[in-house]
């Protein structure tokens, strides 16, 4: 008996009994919603969600569509994890360290101060224990994670006044992304956790004294140079932050193996694309900012040393009170140490040399 005869003669109960239902289900269209933590104007970081969704639609032949919604459209920028956890949306596109207030382990899924760079993060997540450990943690929030971007190392932010010494940090109202604020608090900073769309107005009004976002391209689009002329580097709290796709676990579990593979392939594409896009756009934007009289300045070694000491103190404290942190962080640092050792012998030496020669 052929498939159509079975359907005609047995009805739904017969279909289920024959085992045809999964094949029929696989043909049904899937429509998901992705809530972003980013404003639509930032075509790089918000655009990572669009790259992800476009790839899913193309690879599924249009049968799996994900609509992408900017911060504030479906829910506030920092409400997206709650939305995924509760199942009111299927996906979020965000950065884990925004949610360190729920548990500091969220930061390990994105970036921590003096943590891994982009390549090291990707290696830990893809071929180390990173994705496994993080998804074990996210299971407690009814979520599964995939990568959906990486900005590369970030700048240290825009300051209304020069920051020459550690003492200059005391009392500074600084918008800094998530977990880094716990470290900077030890140096007297008053951290502010604001979404990207609110930063310009806060800087302009003096509600905050400084703000960091990503790097030259995004920062120029947001206009920070018009209200805070001192641009510091490096963003030691974000050496290579993963931008994550958080997926409701029930929604993920309900997918066929083929559709899970499509999401994983879209994840790889979106991650590579975002890093490449920032690498292509940031140099020109930085030259334009310098041409507009922006003062591009390094954090002093004293500030970096004090920040490193405060970070290590913070991690030691977390090891004693957060068992999940201790487990993931130990693996993270072990992996990073080996990566740094390898980079010393090849990648870093090559980069340092190329930065000293004149290219024709």
C-alpha atoms as a PDB file:
ATOM      1  CA  UNK A   1       0.000   0.000   0.000  1.00  0.00           C
ATOM      2  CA  UNK A   2       1.408   3.444  -0.913  1.00  0.00           C
ATOM      3  CA  UNK A   3       1.624   6.414   1.446  1.00  0.00           C
ATOM      4  CA  UNK A   4      -1.439   8.214   0.058  1.00  0.00           C
ATOM      5  CA  UNK A   5      -3.586   5.109   0.429  1.00  0.00           C
ATOM      6  CA  UNK A   6      -2.547   4.736   4.056  1.00  0.00           C
ATOM      7  CA  UNK A   7      -3.427   8.368   4.790  1.00  0.00           C
ATOM      8  CA  UNK A   8      -6.785   8.054   3.011  1.00  0.00           C
ATOM      9  CA  UNK A   9      -7.819   4.787   4.609  1.00  0.00           C
ATOM     10  CA  UNK A  10      -6.456   4.979   8.163  1.00  0.00           C
ATOM     11  CA  UNK A  11      -6.707   8.604   9.212  1.00  0.00           C
ATOM     12  CA  UNK A  12      -4.533  10.221  11.890  1.00  0.00           C
ATOM     13  CA  UNK A  13      -4.492   7.182  14.186  1.00  0.00           C
ATOM     14  CA  UNK A  14      -3.323   5.007  11.340  1.00  0.00           C
ATOM     15  CA  UNK A  15      -0.662   7.495  10.360  1.00  0.00           C
ATOM     16  CA  UNK A  16       0.742   7.487  13.867  1.00  0.00           C
ATOM     17  CA  UNK A  17       0.684   3.696  13.980  1.00  0.00           C
ATOM     18  CA  UNK A  18       2.592   3.367  10.712  1.00  0.00           C
ATOM     19  CA  UNK A  19       5.334   5.756  11.803  1.00  0.00           C
ATOM     20  CA  UNK A  20       4.738   8.121   8.897  1.00  0.00           C
ATOM     21  CA  UNK A  21       4.030  11.098  11.189  1.00  0.00           C
ATOM     22  CA  UNK A  22       7.651  12.204  11.639  1.00  0.00           C
ATOM     23  CA  UNK A  23       8.116  12.439   7.883  1.00  0.00           C
ATOM     24  CA  UNK A  24       4.911  14.469   7.542  1.00  0.00           C
ATOM     25  CA  UNK A  25       5.986  16.685  10.441  1.00  0.00           C
ATOM     26  CA  UNK A  26       9.336  17.331   8.774  1.00  0.00           C
ATOM     27  CA  UNK A  27       7.547  18.909   5.815  1.00  0.00           C
ATOM     28  CA  UNK A  28       5.745  21.467   7.949  1.00  0.00           C
ATOM     29  CA  UNK A  29       6.981  25.041   7.950  1.00  0.00           C
ATOM     30  CA  UNK A  30       8.733  26.272  11.089  1.00  0.00           C
ATOM     31  CA  UNK A  31       8.372  29.890  12.147  1.00  0.00           C
ATOM     32  CA  UNK A  32      10.467  31.163  15.051  1.00  0.00           C
ATOM     33  CA  UNK A  33      11.072  34.588  16.565  1.00  0.00           C
ATOM     34  CA  UNK A  34      14.507  35.840  17.621  1.00  0.00           C
ATOM     35  CA  UNK A  35      14.653  38.744  20.091  1.00  0.00           C
ATOM     36  CA  UNK A  36      17.874  40.752  19.876  1.00  0.00           C
ATOM     37  CA  UNK A  37      19.560  42.774  22.606  1.00  0.00           C
ATOM     38  CA  UNK A  38      20.846  45.215  19.970  1.00  0.00           C
ATOM     39  CA  UNK A  39      19.410  48.183  18.061  1.00  0.00           C
ATOM     40  CA  UNK A  40      18.732  47.718  14.359  1.00  0.00           C
ATOM     41  CA  UNK A  41      21.002  50.662  13.495  1.00  0.00           C
ATOM     42  CA  UNK A  42      24.070  48.550  14.334  1.00  0.00           C
ATOM     43  CA  UNK A  43      24.290  46.524  11.143  1.00  0.00           C
ATOM     44  CA  UNK A  44      27.283  44.594  12.476  1.00  0.00           C
ATOM     45  CA  UNK A  45      26.218  43.162  15.804  1.00  0.00           C
ATOM     46  CA  UNK A  46      22.443  43.259  15.251  1.00  0.00           C
ATOM     47  CA  UNK A  47      23.171  42.101  11.724  1.00  0.00           C
ATOM     48  CA  UNK A  48      24.639  38.876  13.085  1.00  0.00           C
ATOM     49  CA  UNK A  49      21.112  37.752  13.915  1.00  0.00           C
ATOM     50  CA  UNK A  50      19.977  38.587  10.390  1.00  0.00           C
ATOM     51  CA  UNK A  51      22.880  36.641   8.857  1.00  0.00           C
ATOM     52  CA  UNK A  52      21.931  33.682  11.036  1.00  0.00           C
ATOM     53  CA  UNK A  53      18.253  33.827  10.063  1.00  0.00           C
ATOM     54  CA  UNK A  54      18.960  34.312   6.352  1.00  0.00           C
ATOM     55  CA  UNK A  55      21.234  31.271   6.309  1.00  0.00           C
ATOM     56  CA  UNK A  56      18.623  29.117   8.051  1.00  0.00           C
ATOM     57  CA  UNK A  57      15.961  30.102   5.520  1.00  0.00           C
ATOM     58  CA  UNK A  58      18.257  29.452   2.555  1.00  0.00           C
ATOM     59  CA  UNK A  59      19.494  26.071   3.789  1.00  0.00           C
ATOM     60  CA  UNK A  60      15.971  24.892   4.596  1.00  0.00           C
ATOM     61  CA  UNK A  61      14.561  25.931   1.247  1.00  0.00           C
ATOM     62  CA  UNK A  62      12.345  28.467   3.017  1.00  0.00           C
ATOM     63  CA  UNK A  63      10.770  25.882   5.324  1.00  0.00           C
ATOM     64  CA  UNK A  64      12.467  27.218   8.469  1.00  0.00           C
ATOM     65  CA  UNK A  65      12.132  30.964   8.955  1.00  0.00           C
ATOM     66  CA  UNK A  66      13.322  33.071  11.889  1.00  0.00           C
ATOM     67  CA  UNK A  67      12.120  36.650  12.217  1.00  0.00           C
ATOM     68  CA  UNK A  68      14.629  38.943  13.913  1.00  0.00           C
ATOM     69  CA  UNK A  69      13.384  41.661  16.278  1.00  0.00           C
ATOM     70  CA  UNK A  70      15.498  44.554  17.562  1.00  0.00           C
ATOM     71  CA  UNK A  71      15.799  45.410  21.239  1.00  0.00           C
ATOM     72  CA  UNK A  72      12.520  46.812  22.497  1.00  0.00           C
ATOM     73  CA  UNK A  73      10.309  45.367  19.775  1.00  0.00           C
ATOM     74  CA  UNK A  74       9.242  42.188  21.576  1.00  0.00           C
ATOM     75  CA  UNK A  75      10.902  42.825  24.932  1.00  0.00           C
ATOM     76  CA  UNK A  76      13.640  44.976  26.499  1.00  0.00           C
ATOM     77  CA  UNK A  77      17.268  44.357  25.508  1.00  0.00           C
ATOM     78  CA  UNK A  78      18.014  42.669  28.827  1.00  0.00           C
ATOM     79  CA  UNK A  79      14.755  40.726  28.975  1.00  0.00           C
ATOM     80  CA  UNK A  80      15.606  38.243  26.247  1.00  0.00           C
ATOM     81  CA  UNK A  81      16.914  35.443  28.474  1.00  0.00           C
ATOM     82  CA  UNK A  82      13.696  35.507  30.472  1.00  0.00           C
ATOM     83  CA  UNK A  83      11.785  35.348  27.199  1.00  0.00           C
ATOM     84  CA  UNK A  84      13.673  32.269  26.022  1.00  0.00           C
ATOM     85  CA  UNK A  85      13.552  30.580  29.426  1.00  0.00           C
ATOM     86  CA  UNK A  86       9.791  31.056  29.696  1.00  0.00           C
ATOM     87  CA  UNK A  87       9.181  30.007  26.087  1.00  0.00           C
ATOM     88  CA  UNK A  88       7.538  33.265  24.979  1.00  0.00           C
ATOM     89  CA  UNK A  89      10.144  33.368  22.180  1.00  0.00           C
ATOM     90  CA  UNK A  90      12.133  30.563  20.641  1.00  0.00           C
ATOM     91  CA  UNK A  91      15.471  32.386  20.379  1.00  0.00           C
ATOM     92  CA  UNK A  92      17.505  35.346  21.584  1.00  0.00           C
ATOM     93  CA  UNK A  93      20.549  37.023  20.045  1.00  0.00           C
ATOM     94  CA  UNK A  94      22.588  38.558  22.828  1.00  0.00           C
ATOM     95  CA  UNK A  95      25.811  38.488  24.860  1.00  0.00           C
ATOM     96  CA  UNK A  96      25.997  36.309  27.942  1.00  0.00           C
ATOM     97  CA  UNK A  97      27.776  38.724  30.254  1.00  0.00           C
ATOM     98  CA  UNK A  98      24.727  41.007  30.285  1.00  0.00           C
ATOM     99  CA  UNK A  99      23.110  38.434  32.554  1.00  0.00           C
ATOM    100  CA  UNK A 100      25.848  37.928  35.135  1.00  0.00           C
ATOM    101  CA  UNK A 101      23.378  39.159  37.755  1.00  0.00           C
ATOM    102  CA  UNK A 102      21.500  35.876  37.352  1.00  0.00           C
ATOM    103  CA  UNK A 103      24.744  33.919  37.681  1.00  0.00           C
ATOM    104  CA  UNK A 104      28.325  34.945  36.982  1.00  0.00           C
ATOM    105  CA  UNK A 105      28.742  31.861  34.750  1.00  0.00           C
ATOM    106  CA  UNK A 106      26.831  33.649  32.005  1.00  0.00           C
ATOM    107  CA  UNK A 107      29.959  35.761  31.455  1.00  0.00           C
ATOM    108  CA  UNK A 108      32.077  32.684  30.732  1.00  0.00           C
ATOM    109  CA  UNK A 109      29.885  32.044  27.695  1.00  0.00           C
ATOM    110  CA  UNK A 110      30.873  35.424  26.265  1.00  0.00           C
ATOM    111  CA  UNK A 111      34.018  37.064  27.677  1.00  0.00           C
ATOM    112  CA  UNK A 112      35.634  37.759  31.019  1.00  0.00           C
ATOM    113  CA  UNK A 113      38.303  40.313  31.940  1.00  0.00           C
ATOM    114  CA  UNK A 114      41.730  39.144  30.771  1.00  0.00           C
ATOM    115  CA  UNK A 115      40.132  36.166  29.116  1.00  0.00           C
ATOM    116  CA  UNK A 116      40.516  34.541  25.726  1.00  0.00           C
ATOM    117  CA  UNK A 117      40.777  36.262  22.375  1.00  0.00           C
ATOM    118  CA  UNK A 118      38.452  35.449  19.476  1.00  0.00           C
ATOM    119  CA  UNK A 119      40.323  32.463  18.087  1.00  0.00           C
ATOM    120  CA  UNK A 120      40.873  30.999  21.536  1.00  0.00           C
ATOM    121  CA  UNK A 121      37.190  31.419  22.395  1.00  0.00           C
ATOM    122  CA  UNK A 122      36.123  29.704  19.183  1.00  0.00           C
ATOM    123  CA  UNK A 123      38.588  26.865  19.788  1.00  0.00           C
ATOM    124  CA  UNK A 124      37.396  26.326  23.371  1.00  0.00           C
ATOM    125  CA  UNK A 125      33.758  26.388  22.352  1.00  0.00           C
ATOM    126  CA  UNK A 126      34.087  24.210  19.245  1.00  0.00           C
ATOM    127  CA  UNK A 127      36.838  21.724  20.123  1.00  0.00           C
ATOM    128  CA  UNK A 128      37.442  22.154  23.839  1.00  0.00           C
ATOM    129  CA  UNK A 129      34.852  21.660  26.545  1.00  0.00           C
ATOM    130  CA  UNK A 130      33.350  25.136  26.238  1.00  0.00           C
ATOM    131  CA  UNK A 131      30.055  24.443  24.488  1.00  0.00           C
ATOM    132  CA  UNK A 132      29.455  21.281  26.503  1.00  0.00           C
ATOM    133  CA  UNK A 133      30.089  23.000  29.839  1.00  0.00           C
ATOM    134  CA  UNK A 134      28.098  26.099  28.963  1.00  0.00           C
ATOM    135  CA  UNK A 135      25.112  24.115  27.737  1.00  0.00           C
ATOM    136  CA  UNK A 136      25.159  22.056  30.923  1.00  0.00           C
ATOM    137  CA  UNK A 137      24.895  25.368  32.769  1.00  0.00           C
ATOM    138  CA  UNK A 138      22.261  26.859  30.433  1.00  0.00           C
ATOM    139  CA  UNK A 139      20.082  23.767  30.904  1.00  0.00           C
ATOM    140  CA  UNK A 140      19.207  25.228  34.295  1.00  0.00           C
ATOM    141  CA  UNK A 141      17.658  28.153  32.413  1.00  0.00           C
ATOM    142  CA  UNK A 142      15.791  25.964  29.920  1.00  0.00           C
ATOM    143  CA  UNK A 143      18.162  27.013  27.123  1.00  0.00           C
ATOM    144  CA  UNK A 144      20.665  25.692  24.605  1.00  0.00           C
ATOM    145  CA  UNK A 145      23.380  27.952  23.170  1.00  0.00           C
ATOM    146  CA  UNK A 146      25.032  28.319  19.792  1.00  0.00           C
ATOM    147  CA  UNK A 147      27.505  30.965  18.690  1.00  0.00           C
ATOM    148  CA  UNK A 148      26.061  33.738  16.532  1.00  0.00           C
ATOM    149  CA  UNK A 149      28.963  36.154  16.212  1.00  0.00           C
ATOM    150  CA  UNK A 150      32.186  37.421  17.745  1.00  0.00           C
ATOM    151  CA  UNK A 151      33.241  41.065  17.662  1.00  0.00           C
ATOM    152  CA  UNK A 152      36.970  40.476  18.081  1.00  0.00           C
ATOM    153  CA  UNK A 153      38.938  42.339  20.736  1.00  0.00           C
ATOM    154  CA  UNK A 154      37.182  45.538  21.733  1.00  0.00           C
ATOM    155  CA  UNK A 155      38.239  49.072  22.549  1.00  0.00           C
ATOM    156  CA  UNK A 156      38.309  50.355  26.115  1.00  0.00           C
ATOM    157  CA  UNK A 157      35.700  53.056  25.691  1.00  0.00           C
ATOM    158  CA  UNK A 158      34.987  56.769  25.544  1.00  0.00           C
ATOM    159  CA  UNK A 159      35.749  59.048  28.468  1.00  0.00           C
ATOM    160  CA  UNK A 160      34.735  62.650  29.030  1.00  0.00           C
ATOM    161  CA  UNK A 161      38.072  63.265  30.772  1.00  0.00           C
ATOM    162  CA  UNK A 162      41.538  61.688  30.588  1.00  0.00           C
ATOM    163  CA  UNK A 163      42.209  58.652  32.758  1.00  0.00           C
ATOM    164  CA  UNK A 164      45.901  58.713  33.635  1.00  0.00           C
ATOM    165  CA  UNK A 165      46.063  56.864  36.946  1.00  0.00           C
ATOM    166  CA  UNK A 166      44.125  54.293  38.938  1.00  0.00           C
ATOM    167  CA  UNK A 167      42.985  57.149  41.186  1.00  0.00           C
ATOM    168  CA  UNK A 168      41.190  58.732  38.206  1.00  0.00           C
ATOM    169  CA  UNK A 169      38.851  55.741  38.114  1.00  0.00           C
ATOM    170  CA  UNK A 170      37.430  56.380  41.578  1.00  0.00           C
ATOM    171  CA  UNK A 171      33.809  57.478  41.419  1.00  0.00           C
ATOM    172  CA  UNK A 172      33.702  57.217  37.609  1.00  0.00           C
ATOM    173  CA  UNK A 173      30.219  56.365  36.308  1.00  0.00           C
ATOM    174  CA  UNK A 174      31.165  53.983  33.523  1.00  0.00           C
ATOM    175  CA  UNK A 175      28.828  52.062  31.254  1.00  0.00           C
ATOM    176  CA  UNK A 176      30.632  48.771  30.882  1.00  0.00           C
ATOM    177  CA  UNK A 177      29.183  45.543  29.541  1.00  0.00           C
ATOM    178  CA  UNK A 178      28.112  43.281  32.326  1.00  0.00           C
ATOM    179  CA  UNK A 179      30.615  41.280  34.334  1.00  0.00           C
ATOM    180  CA  UNK A 180      33.567  43.688  33.925  1.00  0.00           C
ATOM    181  CA  UNK A 181      31.753  46.019  36.280  1.00  0.00           C
ATOM    182  CA  UNK A 182      32.355  43.598  39.178  1.00  0.00           C
ATOM    183  CA  UNK A 183      36.090  43.942  38.609  1.00  0.00           C
ATOM    184  CA  UNK A 184      36.056  47.708  38.088  1.00  0.00           C
ATOM    185  CA  UNK A 185      34.077  48.193  41.290  1.00  0.00           C
ATOM    186  CA  UNK A 186      37.190  47.093  43.182  1.00  0.00           C
ATOM    187  CA  UNK A 187      38.984  50.090  41.653  1.00  0.00           C
ATOM    188  CA  UNK A 188      36.273  52.543  42.702  1.00  0.00           C
ATOM    189  CA  UNK A 189      34.326  52.645  39.423  1.00  0.00           C
ATOM    190  CA  UNK A 190      30.533  52.900  39.575  1.00  0.00           C
ATOM    191  CA  UNK A 191      29.456  50.523  36.755  1.00  0.00           C
ATOM    192  CA  UNK A 192      26.341  51.220  34.704  1.00  0.00           C
ATOM    193  CA  UNK A 193      24.701  48.425  32.692  1.00  0.00           C
ATOM    194  CA  UNK A 194      22.849  50.233  29.875  1.00  0.00           C
ATOM    195  CA  UNK A 195      21.843  48.933  26.426  1.00  0.00           C
ATOM    196  CA  UNK A 196      23.595  50.358  23.385  1.00  0.00           C
ATOM    197  CA  UNK A 197      20.675  52.475  22.236  1.00  0.00           C
ATOM    198  CA  UNK A 198      20.748  54.564  25.425  1.00  0.00           C
ATOM    199  CA  UNK A 199      24.457  55.363  25.632  1.00  0.00           C
ATOM    200  CA  UNK A 200      24.791  58.526  23.546  1.00  0.00           C
ATOM    201  CA  UNK A 201      22.089  60.389  25.456  1.00  0.00           C
ATOM    202  CA  UNK A 202      23.526  59.301  28.800  1.00  0.00           C
ATOM    203  CA  UNK A 203      27.000  60.505  27.823  1.00  0.00           C
ATOM    204  CA  UNK A 204      25.710  63.756  26.372  1.00  0.00           C
ATOM    205  CA  UNK A 205      23.689  64.586  29.488  1.00  0.00           C
ATOM    206  CA  UNK A 206      26.533  63.609  31.819  1.00  0.00           C
ATOM    207  CA  UNK A 207      24.442  60.878  33.424  1.00  0.00           C
ATOM    208  CA  UNK A 208      27.524  58.718  32.878  1.00  0.00           C
ATOM    209  CA  UNK A 209      31.173  59.773  32.627  1.00  0.00           C
ATOM    210  CA  UNK A 210      32.315  57.094  30.194  1.00  0.00           C
ATOM    211  CA  UNK A 211      30.982  54.297  28.022  1.00  0.00           C
ATOM    212  CA  UNK A 212      32.350  51.344  26.108  1.00  0.00           C
ATOM    213  CA  UNK A 213      30.557  49.559  23.318  1.00  0.00           C
ATOM    214  CA  UNK A 214      32.525  47.572  20.726  1.00  0.00           C
ATOM    215  CA  UNK A 215      34.995  49.353  18.478  1.00  0.00           C
ATOM    216  CA  UNK A 216      35.510  52.158  15.953  1.00  0.00           C
ATOM    217  CA  UNK A 217      32.815  51.271  13.419  1.00  0.00           C
ATOM    218  CA  UNK A 218      29.931  50.898  15.867  1.00  0.00           C
ATOM    219  CA  UNK A 219      31.195  53.649  18.146  1.00  0.00           C
ATOM    220  CA  UNK A 220      31.417  56.128  15.266  1.00  0.00           C
ATOM    221  CA  UNK A 221      27.856  55.280  14.188  1.00  0.00           C
ATOM    222  CA  UNK A 222      26.659  55.890  17.736  1.00  0.00           C
ATOM    223  CA  UNK A 223      28.415  59.286  17.757  1.00  0.00           C
ATOM    224  CA  UNK A 224      30.361  58.880  20.993  1.00  0.00           C
ATOM    225  CA  UNK A 225      33.269  61.019  19.733  1.00  0.00           C
ATOM    226  CA  UNK A 226      30.970  64.068  19.763  1.00  0.00           C
ATOM    227  CA  UNK A 227      30.408  63.912  23.522  1.00  0.00           C
ATOM    228  CA  UNK A 228      33.469  62.101  24.929  1.00  0.00           C
ATOM    229  CA  UNK A 229      36.755  62.880  23.119  1.00  0.00           C
ATOM    230  CA  UNK A 230      39.116  60.425  24.874  1.00  0.00           C
ATOM    231  CA  UNK A 231      39.096  56.947  23.304  1.00  0.00           C
ATOM    232  CA  UNK A 232      41.000  54.326  25.296  1.00  0.00           C
ATOM    233  CA  UNK A 233      42.311  50.874  24.464  1.00  0.00           C
ATOM    234  CA  UNK A 234      42.380  47.932  24.931  1.00  0.00           C
ATOM    235  CA  UNK A 235      39.067  46.670  26.263  1.00  0.00           C
ATOM    236  CA  UNK A 236      40.799  44.191  28.555  1.00  0.00           C
ATOM    237  CA  UNK A 237      37.422  42.840  29.638  1.00  0.00           C
ATOM    238  CA  UNK A 238      36.555  41.683  26.094  1.00  0.00           C
ATOM    239  CA  UNK A 239      39.381  39.977  24.272  1.00  0.00           C
ATOM    240  CA  UNK A 240      37.028  38.001  22.028  1.00  0.00           C
ATOM    241  CA  UNK A 241      33.402  37.959  23.181  1.00  0.00           C
ATOM    242  CA  UNK A 242      31.029  35.385  21.748  1.00  0.00           C
ATOM    243  CA  UNK A 243      27.644  36.747  20.717  1.00  0.00           C
ATOM    244  CA  UNK A 244      25.226  33.936  21.479  1.00  0.00           C
ATOM    245  CA  UNK A 245      22.052  32.479  20.066  1.00  0.00           C
ATOM    246  CA  UNK A 246      20.063  31.221  23.042  1.00  0.00           C
ATOM    247  CA  UNK A 247      17.381  28.699  22.078  1.00  0.00           C
ATOM    248  CA  UNK A 248      14.487  27.497  24.207  1.00  0.00           C
ATOM    249  CA  UNK A 249      15.299  23.880  25.058  1.00  0.00           C
ATOM    250  CA  UNK A 250      11.860  22.507  24.230  1.00  0.00           C
ATOM    251  CA  UNK A 251      11.974  24.262  20.854  1.00  0.00           C
ATOM    252  CA  UNK A 252      15.442  22.833  20.205  1.00  0.00           C
ATOM    253  CA  UNK A 253      14.462  19.334  21.269  1.00  0.00           C
ATOM    254  CA  UNK A 254      11.464  19.479  18.942  1.00  0.00           C
ATOM    255  CA  UNK A 255      13.629  19.987  15.853  1.00  0.00           C
ATOM    256  CA  UNK A 256      14.603  17.225  13.468  1.00  0.00           C
ATOM    257  CA  UNK A 257      18.306  16.306  13.228  1.00  0.00           C
ATOM    258  CA  UNK A 258      18.354  18.041   9.838  1.00  0.00           C
ATOM    259  CA  UNK A 259      17.058  21.321  11.246  1.00  0.00           C
ATOM    260  CA  UNK A 260      19.446  21.170  14.186  1.00  0.00           C
ATOM    261  CA  UNK A 261      22.283  20.762  11.677  1.00  0.00           C
ATOM    262  CA  UNK A 262      20.979  23.777   9.751  1.00  0.00           C
ATOM    263  CA  UNK A 263      21.074  25.914  12.914  1.00  0.00           C
ATOM    264  CA  UNK A 264      24.604  24.734  13.688  1.00  0.00           C
ATOM    265  CA  UNK A 265      25.759  25.595  10.158  1.00  0.00           C
ATOM    266  CA  UNK A 266      24.122  29.023  10.398  1.00  0.00           C
ATOM    267  CA  UNK A 267      25.899  29.504  13.720  1.00  0.00           C
ATOM    268  CA  UNK A 268      29.305  28.922  12.130  1.00  0.00           C
ATOM    269  CA  UNK A 269      28.540  31.292   9.260  1.00  0.00           C
ATOM    270  CA  UNK A 270      27.231  34.098  11.485  1.00  0.00           C
ATOM    271  CA  UNK A 271      30.248  33.862  13.788  1.00  0.00           C
ATOM    272  CA  UNK A 272      32.804  34.019  10.984  1.00  0.00           C
ATOM    273  CA  UNK A 273      30.886  36.760   9.174  1.00  0.00           C
ATOM    274  CA  UNK A 274      30.652  39.093  12.166  1.00  0.00           C
ATOM    275  CA  UNK A 275      34.367  38.919  12.976  1.00  0.00           C
ATOM    276  CA  UNK A 276      35.316  39.440   9.335  1.00  0.00           C
ATOM    277  CA  UNK A 277      32.908  42.366   9.020  1.00  0.00           C
ATOM    278  CA  UNK A 278      34.343  44.150  12.056  1.00  0.00           C
ATOM    279  CA  UNK A 279      37.900  43.496  10.845  1.00  0.00           C
ATOM    280  CA  UNK A 280      37.013  45.034   7.489  1.00  0.00           C
ATOM    281  CA  UNK A 281      35.164  48.087   8.844  1.00  0.00           C
ATOM    282  CA  UNK A 282      37.090  49.094  11.972  1.00  0.00           C
ATOM    283  CA  UNK A 283      40.342  50.334  10.354  1.00  0.00           C
ATOM    284  CA  UNK A 284      38.611  52.929   8.169  1.00  0.00           C
ATOM    285  CA  UNK A 285      36.399  54.080  11.012  1.00  0.00           C
ATOM    286  CA  UNK A 286      39.408  54.486  13.317  1.00  0.00           C
ATOM    287  CA  UNK A 287      41.224  56.634  10.741  1.00  0.00           C
ATOM    288  CA  UNK A 288      38.124  58.798  10.369  1.00  0.00           C
ATOM    289  CA  UNK A 289      37.803  59.226  14.113  1.00  0.00           C
ATOM    290  CA  UNK A 290      41.438  60.258  14.401  1.00  0.00           C
ATOM    291  CA  UNK A 291      40.871  62.687  11.534  1.00  0.00           C
ATOM    292  CA  UNK A 292      37.984  64.174  13.522  1.00  0.00           C
ATOM    293  CA  UNK A 293      40.391  64.926  16.422  1.00  0.00           C
ATOM    294  CA  UNK A 294      39.544  61.960  18.627  1.00  0.00           C
ATOM    295  CA  UNK A 295      42.304  61.345  21.169  1.00  0.00           C
ATOM    296  CA  UNK A 296      43.151  57.627  20.948  1.00  0.00           C
ATOM    297  CA  UNK A 297      45.000  56.679  24.121  1.00  0.00           C
ATOM    298  CA  UNK A 298      46.300  53.493  25.787  1.00  0.00           C
ATOM    299  CA  UNK A 299      45.388  52.562  29.316  1.00  0.00           C
ATOM    300  CA  UNK A 300      48.538  52.920  31.409  1.00  0.00           C
ATOM    301  CA  UNK A 301      50.381  49.815  32.578  1.00  0.00           C
ATOM    302  CA  UNK A 302      49.505  50.762  36.153  1.00  0.00           C
ATOM    303  CA  UNK A 303      45.802  50.713  35.305  1.00  0.00           C
ATOM    304  CA  UNK A 304      46.129  47.402  33.469  1.00  0.00           C
ATOM    305  CA  UNK A 305      48.108  45.848  36.328  1.00  0.00           C
ATOM    306  CA  UNK A 306      45.612  47.043  38.934  1.00  0.00           C
ATOM    307  CA  UNK A 307      42.739  45.778  36.807  1.00  0.00           C
ATOM    308  CA  UNK A 308      44.392  42.382  36.351  1.00  0.00           C
ATOM    309  CA  UNK A 309      44.950  42.067  40.098  1.00  0.00           C
ATOM    310  CA  UNK A 310      41.312  42.987  40.771  1.00  0.00           C
ATOM    311  CA  UNK A 311      40.135  40.441  38.196  1.00  0.00           C
ATOM    312  CA  UNK A 312      42.150  37.613  39.721  1.00  0.00           C
ATOM    313  CA  UNK A 313      40.832  38.531  43.164  1.00  0.00           C
ATOM    314  CA  UNK A 314      37.274  38.439  41.818  1.00  0.00           C
ATOM    315  CA  UNK A 315      37.797  34.986  40.295  1.00  0.00           C
ATOM    316  CA  UNK A 316      39.284  33.611  43.501  1.00  0.00           C
ATOM    317  CA  UNK A 317      36.251  34.854  45.416  1.00  0.00           C
ATOM    318  CA  UNK A 318      33.859  33.255  42.923  1.00  0.00           C
ATOM    319  CA  UNK A 319      35.688  29.931  43.148  1.00  0.00           C
ATOM    320  CA  UNK A 320      34.768  29.771  46.840  1.00  0.00           C
ATOM    321  CA  UNK A 321      31.052  30.534  46.488  1.00  0.00           C
ATOM    322  CA  UNK A 322      29.879  29.416  43.024  1.00  0.00           C
ATOM    323  CA  UNK A 323      30.456  25.727  42.279  1.00  0.00           C
ATOM    324  CA  UNK A 324      29.344  26.018  38.650  1.00  0.00           C
ATOM    325  CA  UNK A 325      31.754  28.907  38.117  1.00  0.00           C
ATOM    326  CA  UNK A 326      34.647  26.975  39.680  1.00  0.00           C
ATOM    327  CA  UNK A 327      34.065  24.001  37.366  1.00  0.00           C
ATOM    328  CA  UNK A 328      33.787  25.972  34.123  1.00  0.00           C
ATOM    329  CA  UNK A 329      36.438  28.558  34.969  1.00  0.00           C
ATOM    330  CA  UNK A 330      39.060  25.894  35.771  1.00  0.00           C
ATOM    331  CA  UNK A 331      38.592  24.357  32.337  1.00  0.00           C
ATOM    332  CA  UNK A 332      38.559  27.804  30.703  1.00  0.00           C
ATOM    333  CA  UNK A 333      41.883  28.864  32.214  1.00  0.00           C
ATOM    334  CA  UNK A 334      43.600  25.533  31.539  1.00  0.00           C
ATOM    335  CA  UNK A 335      42.633  25.814  27.896  1.00  0.00           C
ATOM    336  CA  UNK A 336      43.717  29.462  27.709  1.00  0.00           C
ATOM    337  CA  UNK A 337      47.165  28.764  29.166  1.00  0.00           C
ATOM    338  CA  UNK A 338      47.929  26.248  26.419  1.00  0.00           C
ATOM    339  CA  UNK A 339      46.624  28.638  23.780  1.00  0.00           C
ATOM    340  CA  UNK A 340      48.856  31.450  25.009  1.00  0.00           C
ATOM    341  CA  UNK A 341      51.865  29.142  25.042  1.00  0.00           C
ATOM    342  CA  UNK A 342      51.259  28.186  21.406  1.00  0.00           C
ATOM    343  CA  UNK A 343      50.618  31.780  20.292  1.00  0.00           C
ATOM    344  CA  UNK A 344      53.944  32.919  21.778  1.00  0.00           C
ATOM    345  CA  UNK A 345      55.847  30.726  19.346  1.00  0.00           C
ATOM    346  CA  UNK A 346      54.076  31.629  16.154  1.00  0.00           C
ATOM    347  CA  UNK A 347      51.047  33.893  15.817  1.00  0.00           C
ATOM    348  CA  UNK A 348      52.137  36.611  18.205  1.00  0.00           C
ATOM    349  CA  UNK A 349      55.699  36.715  16.872  1.00  0.00           C
ATOM    350  CA  UNK A 350      54.425  37.058  13.322  1.00  0.00           C
ATOM    351  CA  UNK A 351      51.981  39.821  14.267  1.00  0.00           C
ATOM    352  CA  UNK A 352      54.597  41.780  16.221  1.00  0.00           C
ATOM    353  CA  UNK A 353      57.030  41.671  13.319  1.00  0.00           C
ATOM    354  CA  UNK A 354      54.427  42.738  10.759  1.00  0.00           C
ATOM    355  CA  UNK A 355      53.513  45.717  12.935  1.00  0.00           C
ATOM    356  CA  UNK A 356      57.086  47.014  12.691  1.00  0.00           C
ATOM    357  CA  UNK A 357      57.623  46.910   8.911  1.00  0.00           C
ATOM    358  CA  UNK A 358      56.457  49.188   6.150  1.00  0.00           C
ATOM    359  CA  UNK A 359      54.148  47.545   3.627  1.00  0.00           C
ATOM    360  CA  UNK A 360      54.340  48.615   0.005  1.00  0.00           C
END
